[in-house]
Amino acid sequence: MFSREEEWRKEDEAERDVRRKHADWAFIEAQPSRVKAALKLYVETGDLRLAQRIAGMGLEEFIETLLNAKIPRVTFI
């Protein structure tokens, strides 16, 4: 049996793998540096608010950029 922390780590890793797999990396690389950094951070961490602030965008605008980058918003339960 896994500890709760181990389960969370495995879920985080699985979510990250899904985001990495589906992301449009050509689109991400073509973005301005702040937006590119924010998209990459979101792919790795799933931290929507931090990535949005780094991008310097409003939340809805950043979510639209995530959709354009084909990065899924993944949460395992």
C-alpha atoms as a PDB file:
ATOM      1  CA  MET A   1       0.000   0.000   0.000  1.00  0.00           C
ATOM      2  CA  PHE A   2       1.275   3.456  -0.913  1.00  0.00           C
ATOM      3  CA  SER A   3       1.400   6.325   1.529  1.00  0.00           C
ATOM      4  CA  ARG A   4      -0.850   9.272   0.765  1.00  0.00           C
ATOM      5  CA  GLU A   5       2.184  11.340  -0.292  1.00  0.00           C
ATOM      6  CA  GLU A   6       3.319   8.597  -2.673  1.00  0.00           C
ATOM      7  CA  GLU A   7      -0.177   8.418  -4.180  1.00  0.00           C
ATOM      8  CA  TRP A   8      -0.208  12.195  -4.711  1.00  0.00           C
ATOM      9  CA  ARG A   9       3.247  12.080  -6.303  1.00  0.00           C
ATOM     10  CA  LYS A  10       2.128   9.342  -8.691  1.00  0.00           C
ATOM     11  CA  GLU A  11      -1.040  11.287  -9.582  1.00  0.00           C
ATOM     12  CA  ASP A  12       0.998  14.457 -10.205  1.00  0.00           C
ATOM     13  CA  GLU A  13       3.369  12.495 -12.433  1.00  0.00           C
ATOM     14  CA  ALA A  14       0.490  10.941 -14.397  1.00  0.00           C
ATOM     15  CA  GLU A  15      -1.182  14.342 -14.860  1.00  0.00           C
ATOM     16  CA  ARG A  16       2.127  15.851 -16.041  1.00  0.00           C
ATOM     17  CA  ASP A  17       2.586  13.001 -18.534  1.00  0.00           C
ATOM     18  CA  VAL A  18      -0.872  13.656 -20.010  1.00  0.00           C
ATOM     19  CA  ARG A  19      -0.164  17.389 -20.336  1.00  0.00           C
ATOM     20  CA  ARG A  20       3.250  16.702 -21.945  1.00  0.00           C
ATOM     21  CA  LYS A  21       1.824  14.176 -24.389  1.00  0.00           C
ATOM     22  CA  HIS A  22      -1.016  16.361 -25.669  1.00  0.00           C
ATOM     23  CA  ALA A  23       0.720  19.759 -25.715  1.00  0.00           C
ATOM     24  CA  ASP A  24       1.374  21.407 -29.078  1.00  0.00           C
ATOM     25  CA  TRP A  25       5.081  22.036 -28.568  1.00  0.00           C
ATOM     26  CA  ALA A  26       5.493  23.946 -31.845  1.00  0.00           C
ATOM     27  CA  PHE A  27       2.793  26.398 -30.713  1.00  0.00           C
ATOM     28  CA  ILE A  28       4.394  26.716 -27.270  1.00  0.00           C
ATOM     29  CA  GLU A  29       7.870  27.380 -28.696  1.00  0.00           C
ATOM     30  CA  ALA A  30       6.458  30.078 -31.009  1.00  0.00           C
ATOM     31  CA  GLN A  31       5.104  32.154 -28.091  1.00  0.00           C
ATOM     32  CA  PRO A  32       6.770  35.215 -26.542  1.00  0.00           C
ATOM     33  CA  SER A  33       9.228  34.267 -23.805  1.00  0.00           C
ATOM     34  CA  ARG A  34       6.945  35.001 -20.813  1.00  0.00           C
ATOM     35  CA  VAL A  35       4.032  33.077 -22.295  1.00  0.00           C
ATOM     36  CA  LYS A  36       6.290  30.197 -23.347  1.00  0.00           C
ATOM     37  CA  ALA A  37       7.769  29.987 -19.835  1.00  0.00           C
ATOM     38  CA  ALA A  38       4.288  30.072 -18.310  1.00  0.00           C
ATOM     39  CA  LEU A  39       2.979  27.328 -20.596  1.00  0.00           C
ATOM     40  CA  LYS A  40       5.975  25.120 -19.826  1.00  0.00           C
ATOM     41  CA  LEU A  41       5.529  25.736 -16.098  1.00  0.00           C
ATOM     42  CA  TYR A  42       1.857  24.780 -16.366  1.00  0.00           C
ATOM     43  CA  VAL A  43       2.729  21.576 -18.235  1.00  0.00           C
ATOM     44  CA  GLU A  44       5.204  20.607 -15.514  1.00  0.00           C
ATOM     45  CA  THR A  45       3.270  21.682 -12.414  1.00  0.00           C
ATOM     46  CA  GLY A  46      -0.385  22.158 -13.307  1.00  0.00           C
ATOM     47  CA  ASP A  47      -0.333  25.420 -11.303  1.00  0.00           C
ATOM     48  CA  LEU A  48      -2.832  27.476 -13.291  1.00  0.00           C
ATOM     49  CA  ARG A  49      -2.713  30.689 -11.238  1.00  0.00           C
ATOM     50  CA  LEU A  50       1.078  30.881 -11.037  1.00  0.00           C
ATOM     51  CA  ALA A  51       1.435  30.209 -14.769  1.00  0.00           C
ATOM     52  CA  GLN A  52      -1.233  32.807 -15.544  1.00  0.00           C
ATOM     53  CA  ARG A  53       0.584  35.443 -13.467  1.00  0.00           C
ATOM     54  CA  ILE A  54       3.935  34.638 -15.100  1.00  0.00           C
ATOM     55  CA  ALA A  55       2.328  35.015 -18.531  1.00  0.00           C
ATOM     56  CA  GLY A  56       1.016  38.439 -17.514  1.00  0.00           C
ATOM     57  CA  MET A  57      -2.463  37.539 -18.767  1.00  0.00           C
ATOM     58  CA  GLY A  58      -5.930  37.510 -17.313  1.00  0.00           C
ATOM     59  CA  LEU A  59      -7.189  34.087 -16.290  1.00  0.00           C
ATOM     60  CA  GLU A  60      -9.628  33.685 -19.188  1.00  0.00           C
ATOM     61  CA  GLU A  61      -6.994  34.785 -21.708  1.00  0.00           C
ATOM     62  CA  PHE A  62      -4.491  32.303 -20.279  1.00  0.00           C
ATOM     63  CA  ILE A  63      -7.040  29.470 -20.358  1.00  0.00           C
ATOM     64  CA  GLU A  64      -7.711  30.334 -24.014  1.00  0.00           C
ATOM     65  CA  THR A  65      -3.947  30.122 -24.648  1.00  0.00           C
ATOM     66  CA  LEU A  66      -3.888  26.697 -22.952  1.00  0.00           C
ATOM     67  CA  LEU A  67      -6.641  25.568 -25.309  1.00  0.00           C
ATOM     68  CA  ASN A  68      -4.722  26.905 -28.318  1.00  0.00           C
ATOM     69  CA  ALA A  69      -1.635  25.044 -27.073  1.00  0.00           C
ATOM     70  CA  LYS A  70      -3.756  21.880 -26.725  1.00  0.00           C
ATOM     71  CA  ILE A  71      -2.682  21.494 -23.096  1.00  0.00           C
ATOM     72  CA  PRO A  72      -5.423  19.616 -21.253  1.00  0.00           C
ATOM     73  CA  ARG A  73      -6.481  20.571 -17.754  1.00  0.00           C
ATOM     74  CA  VAL A  74      -6.121  17.219 -16.010  1.00  0.00           C
ATOM     75  CA  THR A  75      -7.184  16.205 -12.511  1.00  0.00           C
ATOM     76  CA  PHE A  76      -7.219  12.608 -11.339  1.00  0.00           C
ATOM     77  CA  ILE A  77      -9.472  11.749  -8.435  1.00  0.00           C
END
